[in-house]
Protein backbone atom coordinates (compact mmCIF):
# COMPACT_ATOMS: atom_id res chain seq x y z
CA MET A 1 -45.58 50.28 -20.43
CA PRO A 2 -44.70 49.80 -24.13
CA THR A 3 -43.62 52.85 -26.07
CA LYS A 4 -46.19 53.80 -28.69
CA LEU A 5 -44.75 53.57 -32.18
CA PRO A 6 -45.15 56.58 -34.41
CA SER A 7 -47.02 55.98 -37.64
CA PHE A 8 -45.14 54.81 -40.71
CA GLU A 9 -45.73 58.19 -42.34
CA VAL A 10 -44.18 60.03 -39.38
CA MET A 11 -41.15 57.74 -39.37
CA ALA A 12 -40.71 57.97 -43.16
CA HIS A 13 -40.91 61.77 -43.00
CA LEU A 14 -38.38 61.88 -40.15
CA ALA A 15 -36.03 59.52 -42.02
CA LYS A 16 -36.11 61.83 -45.06
CA THR A 17 -35.92 65.16 -43.27
CA ASP A 18 -33.76 64.39 -40.22
CA PRO A 19 -31.85 61.08 -40.51
CA PRO A 20 -29.92 61.55 -37.22
CA ALA A 21 -33.19 62.07 -35.31
CA PHE A 22 -34.70 59.04 -37.03
CA GLU A 23 -31.68 56.93 -36.08
CA ALA A 24 -31.89 58.11 -32.46
CA MET A 25 -35.59 57.22 -32.37
CA ARG A 26 -34.90 53.80 -33.94
CA LYS A 27 -32.23 53.02 -31.35
CA LYS A 28 -34.42 54.17 -28.47
CA LEU A 29 -37.44 52.16 -29.61
CA THR A 30 -35.26 49.06 -30.13
CA GLN A 31 -33.59 49.40 -26.73
CA ASP A 32 -36.96 49.93 -25.05
CA ALA A 33 -38.40 46.81 -26.69
CA ILE A 34 -35.43 44.68 -25.64
CA ALA A 35 -35.45 46.12 -22.10
CA ARG A 36 -39.09 44.97 -21.66
CA VAL A 37 -38.06 41.31 -22.08
CA ARG A 38 -38.17 39.85 -18.58
CA ASN A 39 -36.14 36.70 -19.23
CA ASP A 40 -32.45 37.58 -18.80
CA VAL A 41 -31.22 34.95 -21.26
CA ARG A 42 -33.64 36.03 -23.97
CA ARG A 43 -32.85 39.70 -23.37
CA ARG A 44 -29.10 39.03 -23.73
CA ARG A 45 -29.71 37.04 -26.92
CA LEU A 46 -31.76 39.89 -28.34
CA GLN A 47 -29.03 42.36 -27.41
CA GLY A 48 -26.50 40.13 -29.18
CA LEU A 49 -28.71 39.87 -32.25
CA GLN A 50 -29.20 43.64 -32.31
CA PHE A 51 -25.42 44.04 -32.09
CA GLN A 52 -24.99 41.75 -35.12
CA ILE A 53 -27.62 43.73 -37.04
CA ASP A 54 -25.97 47.03 -36.14
CA MET A 55 -22.57 45.72 -37.25
CA GLU A 56 -23.95 44.53 -40.59
CA ARG A 57 -25.51 47.94 -41.14
CA ARG A 58 -22.24 49.66 -40.23
CA LYS A 59 -20.14 47.41 -42.50
CA SER A 60 -22.43 47.87 -45.47
CA ALA A 61 -21.53 50.25 -48.28
CA ASN A 62 -25.02 51.78 -48.28
CA PRO A 63 -28.43 51.29 -46.61
CA LEU A 64 -29.72 49.00 -49.36
CA ALA A 65 -26.69 46.71 -49.03
CA GLY A 66 -27.27 46.61 -45.27
CA CYS A 67 -30.93 45.76 -45.76
CA ILE A 68 -30.04 42.96 -48.16
CA ARG A 69 -27.47 41.51 -45.76
CA ILE A 70 -29.88 41.62 -42.82
CA SER A 71 -32.53 39.96 -45.00
CA GLN A 72 -30.00 37.22 -45.81
CA MET A 73 -29.29 36.78 -42.09
CA MET A 74 -33.02 36.35 -41.43
CA SER A 75 -33.37 33.85 -44.28
CA GLU A 76 -30.38 31.83 -43.03
CA SER A 77 -31.81 31.79 -39.51
CA LEU A 78 -35.21 30.67 -40.77
CA LEU A 79 -33.60 27.93 -42.87
CA GLU A 80 -31.61 26.70 -39.84
CA LEU A 81 -34.78 26.62 -37.75
CA HIS A 82 -36.65 24.77 -40.49
CA GLN A 83 -33.86 22.23 -40.83
CA ALA A 84 -33.56 21.75 -37.08
CA LEU A 85 -37.30 21.16 -36.79
CA ASN A 86 -37.15 18.68 -39.65
CA GLY A 87 -34.17 16.80 -38.24
CA HIS A 88 -31.30 17.66 -40.57
CA LEU A 89 -28.67 20.30 -41.24
CA LYS A 90 -27.89 22.24 -44.45
CA ASP A 91 -26.09 19.15 -45.73
CA SER A 92 -28.95 16.68 -45.63
CA SER A 93 -26.47 13.78 -45.73
CA ARG A 94 -25.30 14.77 -42.23
CA PRO A 95 -27.78 14.02 -39.42
CA LEU A 96 -28.10 16.24 -36.38
CA LEU A 97 -25.63 15.42 -33.64
CA THR A 98 -27.15 13.61 -30.70
CA ASP A 99 -25.53 12.58 -27.44
CA ALA A 100 -24.79 9.22 -29.06
CA THR A 101 -23.17 10.70 -32.19
CA ALA A 102 -21.60 13.87 -30.77
CA PRO A 103 -17.81 13.90 -30.77
CA SER A 104 -16.27 13.22 -27.40
CA ALA A 105 -12.84 13.70 -25.91
CA LYS A 106 -11.00 12.84 -22.75
CA VAL A 107 -10.43 15.92 -20.61
CA LEU A 108 -6.91 15.99 -19.22
CA LYS A 109 -6.21 17.49 -15.83
CA PHE A 110 -3.16 19.71 -15.77
CA PRO A 111 -1.22 20.27 -12.55
CA GLY A 112 -1.56 23.72 -11.30
C-alpha cells in the first residue's frame, strides 16, 4: 500500500524546523516509492538515478546549487529523449547508430 504523503505545508514546516527529520522522511518516502516498483530492472534503474541525485546534492555547495544541478540533469535527460524520439543526437549532423552503422570489431580469443 502506498505511503500517504504529508501535505506540502507539513513538509515545509518540518524542513524549516527540523531538517534532519525532514531528510529522514524524504529518504523513507523515496525508498518506499522505489521499493513498490515490481519490475527489477526498472527498480534498479530508479535506485541508480536516486544515487546520482543524492551525489549531486552532496557535491553541491548549498541546496540551491544542488537543485539547479538536478534541474540541469532533468533537462539533459529530456533533451536526450526528445532527440532519440526524433532520430538524432545532440549533434544533429551525426545520425543515431544503427546495427548497420555501429562500429564493429573482431573479438580475439586469448588462450587461458
